[in-house]
Amino acid sequence: MPGLNAVRTLAVSAVAVVAAAPAFASGMPQLQFNNPLTTGQLFWGAVVFLLLYLTLSRSALPRVASVLDERRRRIEGDLDAAKAARTEADQAIDALRRARREAAAESAAIVETVVREARDRAAAAAHETNARLEAEIARAEAGVAAARQAAMGSLRAVATETAQLLVGRLAGGAVDRALVEAKVDGVLAARPA
């Protein structure tokens, strides 16, 4: 195994360099490229980096890339769904606003109809009440006129009796009833109605 021998040789030389490290202690040993230990470290660092890169690029990085692609697709799908939902919500809001305007117009028309009907009913009720009141007033006036006529009729009899009694007492004897009635009728006829 030639590669194994090279590794052993390098390891032995690395141990030798480490043992001799105090001899190279001037300055920063990491930057002393004439040191065989630094050269070996750079070589093995490059080999390890290359092996690590090849291992990761063949196994882990494709999985990470597939996860990132899947995540990107899911995010794009979620964004598309969000855009569709927003469009749908905007359409629903527009429909709601239209429905609100239509409902407001319809309710205004209903209110106007109800107010008009209420005014018509109030006018009809007022007309009916006025007609009923006019009929009652006419009946009351007729009753007052009848009562007045009755009072006037009884006034003639009362006035005749009172005048006959007073004249009889003043004159000291009986007075002719027909004469008193004629005088009372004359006075009542001359009176304004």
N, C-alpha and C. Protein backbone atom coordinates (compact mmCIF):
# COMPACT_ATOMS: atom_id res chain seq x y z
N MET A 1 0.82 -1.17 0.00
CA MET A 1 0.00 0.00 0.00
C MET A 1 0.87 1.25 0.00
N PRO A 2 1.03 1.82 -1.16
CA PRO A 2 1.92 2.95 -1.27
C PRO A 2 1.33 4.18 -0.58
N GLY A 3 0.02 4.37 -0.59
CA GLY A 3 -0.57 5.53 0.04
C GLY A 3 -0.41 5.49 1.53
N LEU A 4 -0.46 4.30 2.11
CA LEU A 4 -0.32 4.14 3.55
C LEU A 4 1.10 4.46 3.98
N ASN A 5 2.07 4.03 3.19
CA ASN A 5 3.47 4.35 3.49
C ASN A 5 3.71 5.85 3.44
N ALA A 6 3.11 6.52 2.49
CA ALA A 6 3.29 7.96 2.38
C ALA A 6 2.69 8.65 3.58
N VAL A 7 1.56 8.15 4.04
CA VAL A 7 0.92 8.74 5.21
C VAL A 7 1.80 8.53 6.44
N ARG A 8 2.39 7.30 6.57
CA ARG A 8 3.27 7.02 7.71
C ARG A 8 4.50 7.93 7.66
N THR A 9 5.03 8.10 6.50
CA THR A 9 6.21 8.94 6.35
C THR A 9 5.86 10.37 6.73
N LEU A 10 4.77 10.81 6.28
CA LEU A 10 4.35 12.16 6.60
C LEU A 10 4.09 12.32 8.09
N ALA A 11 3.49 11.31 8.70
CA ALA A 11 3.22 11.39 10.13
C ALA A 11 4.52 11.42 10.91
N VAL A 12 5.49 10.63 10.49
CA VAL A 12 6.79 10.62 11.18
C VAL A 12 7.46 11.96 11.01
N SER A 13 7.41 12.52 9.81
CA SER A 13 8.04 13.81 9.59
C SER A 13 7.30 14.89 10.36
N ALA A 14 6.00 14.76 10.51
CA ALA A 14 5.23 15.74 11.28
C ALA A 14 5.63 15.68 12.73
N VAL A 15 5.82 14.46 13.27
CA VAL A 15 6.24 14.32 14.66
C VAL A 15 7.62 14.90 14.83
N ALA A 16 8.49 14.69 13.87
CA ALA A 16 9.85 15.22 13.95
C ALA A 16 9.82 16.73 13.91
N VAL A 17 8.99 17.28 13.09
CA VAL A 17 8.91 18.74 12.99
C VAL A 17 8.34 19.30 14.26
N VAL A 18 7.34 18.62 14.84
CA VAL A 18 6.74 19.09 16.08
C VAL A 18 7.78 19.05 17.18
N ALA A 19 8.60 18.01 17.19
CA ALA A 19 9.65 17.92 18.21
C ALA A 19 10.67 19.02 18.01
N ALA A 20 10.88 19.43 16.77
CA ALA A 20 11.87 20.46 16.51
C ALA A 20 11.22 21.84 16.45
N ALA A 21 9.99 21.95 16.80
CA ALA A 21 9.26 23.22 16.71
C ALA A 21 9.90 24.35 17.47
N PRO A 22 10.51 24.12 18.63
CA PRO A 22 11.10 25.25 19.30
C PRO A 22 12.20 25.90 18.49
N ALA A 23 12.79 25.19 17.54
CA ALA A 23 13.86 25.77 16.73
C ALA A 23 13.30 26.80 15.77
N PHE A 24 12.02 26.64 15.37
CA PHE A 24 11.41 27.57 14.40
C PHE A 24 10.50 28.57 15.08
N ALA A 25 10.69 28.89 16.27
CA ALA A 25 9.75 29.68 17.05
C ALA A 25 9.81 31.16 16.78
N SER A 26 10.53 31.62 15.84
CA SER A 26 10.57 33.05 15.59
C SER A 26 9.41 33.42 14.68
N GLY A 27 8.55 34.35 15.07
CA GLY A 27 7.40 34.77 14.29
C GLY A 27 6.23 33.81 14.45
N MET A 28 5.26 33.93 13.56
CA MET A 28 4.07 33.07 13.61
C MET A 28 4.36 31.78 12.85
N PRO A 29 4.28 30.65 13.53
CA PRO A 29 4.61 29.39 12.85
C PRO A 29 3.60 29.03 11.75
N GLN A 30 2.39 29.57 11.82
CA GLN A 30 1.39 29.25 10.80
C GLN A 30 1.77 29.85 9.44
N LEU A 31 2.54 30.90 9.46
CA LEU A 31 2.90 31.57 8.22
C LEU A 31 4.32 31.26 7.76
N GLN A 32 5.01 30.35 8.39
CA GLN A 32 6.37 29.97 7.98
C GLN A 32 6.25 28.80 7.01
N PHE A 33 6.25 29.12 5.74
CA PHE A 33 6.06 28.10 4.71
C PHE A 33 7.33 27.28 4.45
N ASN A 34 8.43 27.66 4.99
CA ASN A 34 9.64 26.85 4.84
C ASN A 34 9.67 25.73 5.88
N ASN A 35 8.73 25.74 6.80
CA ASN A 35 8.59 24.69 7.82
C ASN A 35 7.91 23.49 7.17
N PRO A 36 8.51 22.26 7.23
CA PRO A 36 7.87 21.11 6.61
C PRO A 36 6.55 20.75 7.29
N LEU A 37 6.36 21.06 8.54
CA LEU A 37 5.10 20.78 9.23
C LEU A 37 3.97 21.63 8.66
N THR A 38 4.22 22.90 8.37
CA THR A 38 3.21 23.78 7.78
C THR A 38 2.83 23.28 6.40
N THR A 39 3.81 22.81 5.62
CA THR A 39 3.52 22.29 4.28
C THR A 39 2.66 21.04 4.38
N GLY A 40 2.95 20.17 5.30
CA GLY A 40 2.15 18.95 5.49
C GLY A 40 0.74 19.27 5.95
N GLN A 41 0.65 20.25 6.81
CA GLN A 41 -0.67 20.64 7.28
C GLN A 41 -1.51 21.22 6.14
N LEU A 42 -0.85 22.02 5.30
CA LEU A 42 -1.57 22.57 4.16
C LEU A 42 -2.01 21.47 3.20
N PHE A 43 -1.12 20.50 2.95
CA PHE A 43 -1.47 19.40 2.06
C PHE A 43 -2.64 18.60 2.62
N TRP A 44 -2.54 18.17 3.87
CA TRP A 44 -3.60 17.35 4.46
C TRP A 44 -4.89 18.16 4.67
N GLY A 45 -4.75 19.41 4.91
CA GLY A 45 -5.95 20.26 5.00
C GLY A 45 -6.69 20.31 3.67
N ALA A 46 -5.90 20.42 2.58
CA ALA A 46 -6.50 20.43 1.24
C ALA A 46 -7.14 19.10 0.94
N VAL A 47 -6.45 17.97 1.32
CA VAL A 47 -7.01 16.63 1.07
C VAL A 47 -8.30 16.45 1.86
N VAL A 48 -8.28 16.81 3.12
CA VAL A 48 -9.49 16.67 3.95
C VAL A 48 -10.60 17.55 3.40
N PHE A 49 -10.28 18.78 3.00
CA PHE A 49 -11.28 19.67 2.42
C PHE A 49 -11.86 19.07 1.16
N LEU A 50 -10.99 18.49 0.29
CA LEU A 50 -11.46 17.88 -0.94
C LEU A 50 -12.36 16.69 -0.65
N LEU A 51 -11.95 15.82 0.30
CA LEU A 51 -12.78 14.67 0.67
C LEU A 51 -14.10 15.12 1.28
N LEU A 52 -14.04 16.10 2.14
CA LEU A 52 -15.26 16.63 2.75
C LEU A 52 -16.18 17.24 1.69
N TYR A 53 -15.58 17.99 0.76
CA TYR A 53 -16.38 18.58 -0.31
C TYR A 53 -17.03 17.51 -1.16
N LEU A 54 -16.24 16.49 -1.56
CA LEU A 54 -16.81 15.42 -2.39
C LEU A 54 -17.91 14.68 -1.65
N THR A 55 -17.71 14.39 -0.37
CA THR A 55 -18.72 13.68 0.42
C THR A 55 -19.99 14.52 0.54
N LEU A 56 -19.82 15.78 0.86
CA LEU A 56 -20.99 16.64 1.01
C LEU A 56 -21.69 16.88 -0.32
N SER A 57 -20.91 17.08 -1.39
CA SER A 57 -21.54 17.36 -2.68
C SER A 57 -22.27 16.14 -3.23
N ARG A 58 -21.87 14.93 -2.85
CA ARG A 58 -22.51 13.71 -3.34
C ARG A 58 -23.68 13.27 -2.46
N SER A 59 -23.64 13.55 -1.16
CA SER A 59 -24.69 13.01 -0.29
C SER A 59 -25.52 14.12 0.37
N ALA A 60 -24.92 15.01 1.11
CA ALA A 60 -25.69 15.96 1.93
C ALA A 60 -26.22 17.13 1.12
N LEU A 61 -25.40 17.69 0.24
CA LEU A 61 -25.84 18.88 -0.51
C LEU A 61 -27.03 18.61 -1.42
N PRO A 62 -27.13 17.45 -2.11
CA PRO A 62 -28.34 17.21 -2.89
C PRO A 62 -29.59 17.16 -2.02
N ARG A 63 -29.47 16.58 -0.81
CA ARG A 63 -30.63 16.54 0.08
C ARG A 63 -31.01 17.96 0.52
N VAL A 64 -30.01 18.76 0.86
CA VAL A 64 -30.28 20.15 1.26
C VAL A 64 -30.91 20.91 0.10
N ALA A 65 -30.38 20.69 -1.11
CA ALA A 65 -30.93 21.37 -2.29
C ALA A 65 -32.37 20.95 -2.53
N SER A 66 -32.66 19.65 -2.35
CA SER A 66 -34.05 19.19 -2.56
C SER A 66 -34.97 19.77 -1.49
N VAL A 67 -34.48 19.86 -0.25
CA VAL A 67 -35.29 20.47 0.81
C VAL A 67 -35.54 21.93 0.50
N LEU A 68 -34.50 22.64 0.05
CA LEU A 68 -34.67 24.06 -0.28
C LEU A 68 -35.62 24.24 -1.46
N ASP A 69 -35.51 23.37 -2.48
CA ASP A 69 -36.43 23.44 -3.62
C ASP A 69 -37.87 23.18 -3.17
N GLU A 70 -38.03 22.16 -2.33
CA GLU A 70 -39.37 21.83 -1.83
C GLU A 70 -39.93 23.00 -1.03
N ARG A 71 -39.09 23.60 -0.20
CA ARG A 71 -39.53 24.75 0.60
C ARG A 71 -39.88 25.93 -0.31
N ARG A 72 -39.07 26.17 -1.34
CA ARG A 72 -39.35 27.25 -2.29
C ARG A 72 -40.68 27.01 -3.00
N ARG A 73 -40.89 25.74 -3.44
CA ARG A 73 -42.16 25.41 -4.12
C ARG A 73 -43.35 25.61 -3.17
N ARG A 74 -43.18 25.18 -1.92
CA ARG A 74 -44.26 25.32 -0.94
C ARG A 74 -44.55 26.80 -0.68
N ILE A 75 -43.48 27.61 -0.56
CA ILE A 75 -43.67 29.04 -0.33
C ILE A 75 -44.37 29.69 -1.52
N GLU A 76 -43.93 29.32 -2.74
CA GLU A 76 -44.58 29.87 -3.93
C GLU A 76 -46.04 29.44 -4.00
N GLY A 77 -46.31 28.18 -3.65
CA GLY A 77 -47.70 27.70 -3.62
C GLY A 77 -48.52 28.46 -2.58
N ASP A 78 -47.92 28.70 -1.41
CA ASP A 78 -48.63 29.46 -0.38
C ASP A 78 -48.87 30.89 -0.82
N LEU A 79 -47.88 31.48 -1.50
CA LEU A 79 -48.07 32.85 -2.01
C LEU A 79 -49.18 32.89 -3.07
N ASP A 80 -49.19 31.90 -3.95
CA ASP A 80 -50.25 31.84 -4.96
C ASP A 80 -51.62 31.67 -4.29
N ALA A 81 -51.67 30.79 -3.28
CA ALA A 81 -52.94 30.59 -2.56
C ALA A 81 -53.36 31.86 -1.84
N ALA A 82 -52.37 32.58 -1.28
CA ALA A 82 -52.69 33.84 -0.60
C ALA A 82 -53.21 34.88 -1.59
N LYS A 83 -52.57 34.93 -2.78
CA LYS A 83 -53.05 35.88 -3.80
C LYS A 83 -54.47 35.53 -4.23
N ALA A 84 -54.73 34.23 -4.43
CA ALA A 84 -56.08 33.80 -4.82
C ALA A 84 -57.08 34.12 -3.71
N ALA A 85 -56.68 33.88 -2.46
CA ALA A 85 -57.57 34.18 -1.34
C ALA A 85 -57.84 35.68 -1.24
N ARG A 86 -56.80 36.49 -1.51
CA ARG A 86 -56.98 37.94 -1.46
C ARG A 86 -57.92 38.39 -2.57
N THR A 87 -57.73 37.83 -3.76
CA THR A 87 -58.62 38.18 -4.87
C THR A 87 -60.05 37.79 -4.53
N GLU A 88 -60.22 36.61 -3.98
CA GLU A 88 -61.56 36.14 -3.59
C GLU A 88 -62.14 37.04 -2.50
N ALA A 89 -61.31 37.44 -1.54
CA ALA A 89 -61.78 38.33 -0.47
C ALA A 89 -62.17 39.69 -1.04
N ASP A 90 -61.38 40.20 -1.99
CA ASP A 90 -61.72 41.48 -2.61
C ASP A 90 -63.04 41.39 -3.35
N GLN A 91 -63.25 40.27 -4.05
CA GLN A 91 -64.52 40.08 -4.75
C GLN A 91 -65.67 39.98 -3.76
N ALA A 92 -65.44 39.29 -2.64
CA ALA A 92 -66.49 39.16 -1.63
C ALA A 92 -66.80 40.53 -1.01
N ILE A 93 -65.76 41.35 -0.80
CA ILE A 93 -65.98 42.69 -0.25
C ILE A 93 -66.77 43.54 -1.24
N ASP A 94 -66.42 43.44 -2.52
CA ASP A 94 -67.17 44.20 -3.54
C ASP A 94 -68.63 43.75 -3.58
N ALA A 95 -68.84 42.43 -3.52
CA ALA A 95 -70.21 41.91 -3.52
C ALA A 95 -70.96 42.40 -2.28
N LEU A 96 -70.29 42.41 -1.15
CA LEU A 96 -70.91 42.88 0.09
C LEU A 96 -71.28 44.36 -0.01
N ARG A 97 -70.37 45.15 -0.59
CA ARG A 97 -70.67 46.58 -0.74
C ARG A 97 -71.85 46.80 -1.68
N ARG A 98 -71.88 46.02 -2.79
CA ARG A 98 -73.02 46.13 -3.71
C ARG A 98 -74.31 45.75 -3.00
N ALA A 99 -74.27 44.65 -2.26
CA ALA A 99 -75.46 44.21 -1.53
C ALA A 99 -75.90 45.25 -0.51
N ARG A 100 -74.93 45.88 0.13
CA ARG A 100 -75.26 46.92 1.11
C ARG A 100 -75.94 48.11 0.44
N ARG A 101 -75.37 48.53 -0.72
CA ARG A 101 -75.99 49.65 -1.43
C ARG A 101 -77.40 49.29 -1.88
N GLU A 102 -77.57 48.08 -2.41
CA GLU A 102 -78.90 47.65 -2.85
C GLU A 102 -79.86 47.59 -1.68
N ALA A 103 -79.40 47.06 -0.55
CA ALA A 103 -80.25 46.97 0.63
C ALA A 103 -80.63 48.36 1.14
N ALA A 104 -79.67 49.29 1.09
CA ALA A 104 -79.96 50.66 1.53
C ALA A 104 -81.00 51.30 0.61
N ALA A 105 -80.84 51.10 -0.69
CA ALA A 105 -81.81 51.67 -1.64
C ALA A 105 -83.18 51.03 -1.43
N GLU A 106 -83.20 49.73 -1.24
CA GLU A 106 -84.47 49.02 -1.03
C GLU A 106 -85.13 49.48 0.27
N SER A 107 -84.33 49.62 1.33
CA SER A 107 -84.90 50.05 2.60
C SER A 107 -85.41 51.48 2.51
N ALA A 108 -84.69 52.35 1.76
CA ALA A 108 -85.16 53.72 1.58
C ALA A 108 -86.50 53.73 0.83
N ALA A 109 -86.62 52.87 -0.17
CA ALA A 109 -87.88 52.78 -0.91
C ALA A 109 -89.00 52.28 -0.01
N ILE A 110 -88.68 51.29 0.83
CA ILE A 110 -89.70 50.75 1.75
C ILE A 110 -90.11 51.82 2.75
N VAL A 111 -89.13 52.55 3.29
CA VAL A 111 -89.44 53.62 4.25
C VAL A 111 -90.32 54.68 3.59
N GLU A 112 -89.96 55.04 2.35
CA GLU A 112 -90.76 56.04 1.64
C GLU A 112 -92.19 55.55 1.42
N THR A 113 -92.34 54.27 1.06
CA THR A 113 -93.67 53.70 0.87
C THR A 113 -94.45 53.69 2.17
N VAL A 114 -93.80 53.29 3.25
CA VAL A 114 -94.48 53.23 4.55
C VAL A 114 -94.89 54.63 5.00
N VAL A 115 -94.00 55.61 4.79
CA VAL A 115 -94.34 57.00 5.18
C VAL A 115 -95.50 57.51 4.35
N ARG A 116 -95.46 57.23 3.05
CA ARG A 116 -96.56 57.67 2.17
C ARG A 116 -97.88 57.02 2.60
N GLU A 117 -97.84 55.72 2.88
CA GLU A 117 -99.06 55.02 3.31
C GLU A 117 -99.55 55.56 4.66
N ALA A 118 -98.60 55.86 5.57
CA ALA A 118 -98.99 56.41 6.87
C ALA A 118 -99.63 57.78 6.70
N ARG A 119 -99.05 58.61 5.79
CA ARG A 119 -99.65 59.93 5.53
C ARG A 119 -101.05 59.78 4.96
N ASP A 120 -101.19 58.84 4.00
CA ASP A 120 -102.52 58.63 3.39
C ASP A 120 -103.52 58.17 4.44
N ARG A 121 -103.08 57.22 5.31
CA ARG A 121 -104.00 56.74 6.36
C ARG A 121 -104.34 57.86 7.34
N ALA A 122 -103.32 58.68 7.68
CA ALA A 122 -103.56 59.79 8.60
C ALA A 122 -104.52 60.81 7.97
N ALA A 123 -104.34 61.09 6.67
CA ALA A 123 -105.24 62.03 5.98
C ALA A 123 -106.65 61.46 5.93
N ALA A 124 -106.77 60.16 5.64
CA ALA A 124 -108.10 59.54 5.59
C ALA A 124 -108.74 59.55 6.97
N ALA A 125 -107.93 59.26 8.01
CA ALA A 125 -108.47 59.26 9.37
C ALA A 125 -108.88 60.68 9.76
N ALA A 126 -108.07 61.69 9.38
CA ALA A 126 -108.41 63.08 9.69
C ALA A 126 -109.68 63.48 8.96
N HIS A 127 -109.80 63.08 7.69
CA HIS A 127 -111.01 63.39 6.92
C HIS A 127 -112.23 62.74 7.56
N GLU A 128 -112.09 61.49 7.94
CA GLU A 128 -113.19 60.76 8.59
C GLU A 128 -113.55 61.40 9.92
N THR A 129 -112.49 61.78 10.69
CA THR A 129 -112.74 62.42 11.99
C THR A 129 -113.42 63.77 11.79
N ASN A 130 -112.96 64.53 10.80
CA ASN A 130 -113.59 65.83 10.52
C ASN A 130 -115.06 65.66 10.11
N ALA A 131 -115.32 64.66 9.26
CA ALA A 131 -116.71 64.42 8.84
C ALA A 131 -117.56 64.02 10.05
N ARG A 132 -117.02 63.16 10.91
CA ARG A 132 -117.77 62.72 12.09
C ARG A 132 -118.01 63.91 13.02
N LEU A 133 -116.95 64.75 13.21
CA LEU A 133 -117.09 65.92 14.07
C LEU A 133 -118.10 66.92 13.50
N GLU A 134 -118.07 67.10 12.18
CA GLU A 134 -119.05 68.00 11.55
C GLU A 134 -120.47 67.48 11.74
N ALA A 135 -120.63 66.16 11.62
CA ALA A 135 -121.97 65.57 11.84
C ALA A 135 -122.39 65.75 13.29
N GLU A 136 -121.45 65.56 14.21
CA GLU A 136 -121.78 65.73 15.63
C GLU A 136 -122.11 67.20 15.94
N ILE A 137 -121.32 68.10 15.30
CA ILE A 137 -121.59 69.53 15.51
C ILE A 137 -122.97 69.89 14.97
N ALA A 138 -123.30 69.34 13.80
CA ALA A 138 -124.63 69.63 13.21
C ALA A 138 -125.72 69.09 14.13
N ARG A 139 -125.52 67.86 14.67
CA ARG A 139 -126.51 67.30 15.59
C ARG A 139 -126.61 68.15 16.86
N ALA A 140 -125.41 68.58 17.35
CA ALA A 140 -125.42 69.40 18.56
C ALA A 140 -126.11 70.73 18.31
N GLU A 141 -125.85 71.35 17.14
CA GLU A 141 -126.51 72.62 16.82
C GLU A 141 -128.01 72.43 16.69
N ALA A 142 -128.39 71.29 16.09
CA ALA A 142 -129.82 71.02 15.98
C ALA A 142 -130.43 70.82 17.37
N GLY A 143 -129.67 70.12 18.24
CA GLY A 143 -130.15 69.93 19.61
C GLY A 143 -130.25 71.25 20.36
N VAL A 144 -129.24 72.13 20.15
CA VAL A 144 -129.26 73.44 20.79
C VAL A 144 -130.44 74.25 20.26
N ALA A 145 -130.66 74.19 18.96
CA ALA A 145 -131.79 74.94 18.38
C ALA A 145 -133.10 74.41 18.92
N ALA A 146 -133.22 73.08 19.03
CA ALA A 146 -134.45 72.49 19.58
C ALA A 146 -134.61 72.88 21.04
N ALA A 147 -133.49 72.84 21.78
CA ALA A 147 -133.57 73.22 23.20
C ALA A 147 -133.92 74.70 23.32
N ARG A 148 -133.39 75.50 22.41
CA ARG A 148 -133.69 76.93 22.44
C ARG A 148 -135.16 77.16 22.13
N GLN A 149 -135.64 76.43 21.13
CA GLN A 149 -137.06 76.54 20.79
C GLN A 149 -137.93 76.12 21.96
N ALA A 150 -137.50 75.00 22.61
CA ALA A 150 -138.27 74.53 23.76
C ALA A 150 -138.20 75.55 24.88
N ALA A 151 -136.97 76.10 25.06
CA ALA A 151 -136.83 77.12 26.11
C ALA A 151 -137.65 78.35 25.77
N MET A 152 -137.62 78.73 24.50
CA MET A 152 -138.40 79.91 24.10
C MET A 152 -139.90 79.65 24.26
N GLY A 153 -140.28 78.40 23.96
CA GLY A 153 -141.70 78.05 24.12
C GLY A 153 -142.09 78.10 25.59
N SER A 154 -141.28 77.59 26.44
CA SER A 154 -141.59 77.63 27.86
C SER A 154 -141.39 79.03 28.41
N LEU A 155 -140.53 79.84 27.77
CA LEU A 155 -140.31 81.21 28.19
C LEU A 155 -141.59 82.02 28.01
N ARG A 156 -142.30 81.75 26.91
CA ARG A 156 -143.56 82.45 26.66
C ARG A 156 -144.56 82.16 27.76
N ALA A 157 -144.61 80.86 28.13
CA ALA A 157 -145.58 80.49 29.17
C ALA A 157 -145.16 81.06 30.52
N VAL A 158 -143.86 80.97 30.83
CA VAL A 158 -143.36 81.49 32.11
C VAL A 158 -143.53 83.01 32.15
N ALA A 159 -143.15 83.68 31.03
CA ALA A 159 -143.26 85.14 30.98
C ALA A 159 -144.73 85.57 31.12
N THR A 160 -145.63 84.86 30.50
CA THR A 160 -147.06 85.19 30.57
C THR A 160 -147.54 85.03 32.00
N GLU A 161 -147.23 83.94 32.64
CA GLU A 161 -147.69 83.70 34.02
C GLU A 161 -147.08 84.72 34.96
N THR A 162 -145.76 85.00 34.78
CA THR A 162 -145.09 85.96 35.67
C THR A 162 -145.69 87.36 35.48
N ALA A 163 -145.89 87.76 34.24
CA ALA A 163 -146.45 89.09 33.97
C ALA A 163 -147.88 89.19 34.52
N GLN A 164 -148.67 88.14 34.34
CA GLN A 164 -150.04 88.14 34.84
C GLN A 164 -150.03 88.24 36.36
N LEU A 165 -149.15 87.52 37.01
CA LEU A 165 -149.07 87.55 38.46
C LEU A 165 -148.62 88.93 38.96
N LEU A 166 -147.59 89.49 38.31
CA LEU A 166 -147.09 90.79 38.74
C LEU A 166 -148.11 91.92 38.50
N VAL A 167 -148.71 91.90 37.34
CA VAL A 167 -149.70 92.94 37.03
C VAL A 167 -150.91 92.79 37.96
N GLY A 168 -151.27 91.55 38.25
CA GLY A 168 -152.40 91.32 39.16
C GLY A 168 -152.08 91.81 40.54
N ARG A 169 -150.94 91.67 41.01
CA ARG A 169 -150.57 92.14 42.35
C ARG A 169 -150.45 93.67 42.36
N LEU A 170 -149.90 94.20 41.28
CA LEU A 170 -149.76 95.66 41.24
C LEU A 170 -151.13 96.35 41.06
N ALA A 171 -151.95 95.76 40.24
CA ALA A 171 -153.26 96.36 39.97
C ALA A 171 -154.24 96.02 41.09
N GLY A 172 -153.97 94.99 41.79
CA GLY A 172 -154.81 94.62 42.91
C GLY A 172 -156.00 93.80 42.51
N GLY A 173 -156.01 93.21 41.35
CA GLY A 173 -157.11 92.35 40.95
C GLY A 173 -156.69 91.41 39.85
N ALA A 174 -157.70 90.77 39.23
CA ALA A 174 -157.42 89.81 38.19
C ALA A 174 -157.19 90.53 36.87
N VAL A 175 -156.26 89.98 36.07
CA VAL A 175 -155.90 90.58 34.80
C VAL A 175 -156.31 89.60 33.71
N ASP A 176 -156.70 90.14 32.57
CA ASP A 176 -157.14 89.29 31.47
C ASP A 176 -155.93 88.55 30.88
N ARG A 177 -156.04 87.24 30.83
CA ARG A 177 -154.90 86.40 30.37
C ARG A 177 -154.63 86.62 28.89
N ALA A 178 -155.60 86.78 28.07
CA ALA A 178 -155.44 86.96 26.65
C ALA A 178 -154.69 88.25 26.36
N LEU A 179 -154.98 89.32 27.16
CA LEU A 179 -154.31 90.58 26.97
C LEU A 179 -152.83 90.45 27.34
N VAL A 180 -152.51 89.75 28.43
CA VAL A 180 -151.12 89.56 28.87
C VAL A 180 -150.37 88.73 27.83
N GLU A 181 -151.03 87.71 27.29
CA GLU A 181 -150.38 86.84 26.29
C GLU A 181 -150.08 87.65 25.02
N ALA A 182 -150.94 88.51 24.63
CA ALA A 182 -150.73 89.32 23.43
C ALA A 182 -149.55 90.26 23.63
N LYS A 183 -149.42 90.86 24.81
CA LYS A 183 -148.34 91.78 25.07
C LYS A 183 -146.99 91.03 25.14
N VAL A 184 -146.99 89.86 25.79
CA VAL A 184 -145.76 89.05 25.87
C VAL A 184 -145.34 88.61 24.49
N ASP A 185 -146.28 88.19 23.63
CA ASP A 185 -145.96 87.78 22.27
C ASP A 185 -145.38 88.94 21.49
N GLY A 186 -145.86 90.13 21.69
CA GLY A 186 -145.35 91.30 21.00
C GLY A 186 -143.90 91.60 21.41
N VAL A 187 -143.65 91.51 22.72
CA VAL A 187 -142.29 91.78 23.21
C VAL A 187 -141.34 90.70 22.70
N LEU A 188 -141.75 89.44 22.73
CA LEU A 188 -140.88 88.34 22.27
C LEU A 188 -140.64 88.44 20.77
N ALA A 189 -141.58 88.87 20.00
CA ALA A 189 -141.42 88.99 18.56
C ALA A 189 -140.45 90.14 18.23
N ALA A 190 -140.44 91.17 19.04
CA ALA A 190 -139.58 92.31 18.79
C ALA A 190 -138.13 92.03 19.16
N ARG A 191 -137.94 91.01 19.95
CA ARG A 191 -136.57 90.64 20.40
C ARG A 191 -135.78 89.98 19.28
N PRO A 192 -134.45 90.25 19.15
CA PRO A 192 -133.66 89.57 18.10
C PRO A 192 -133.45 88.09 18.47
N ALA A 193 -133.34 87.25 17.44
CA ALA A 193 -133.25 85.83 17.68
C ALA A 193 -131.94 85.37 18.20
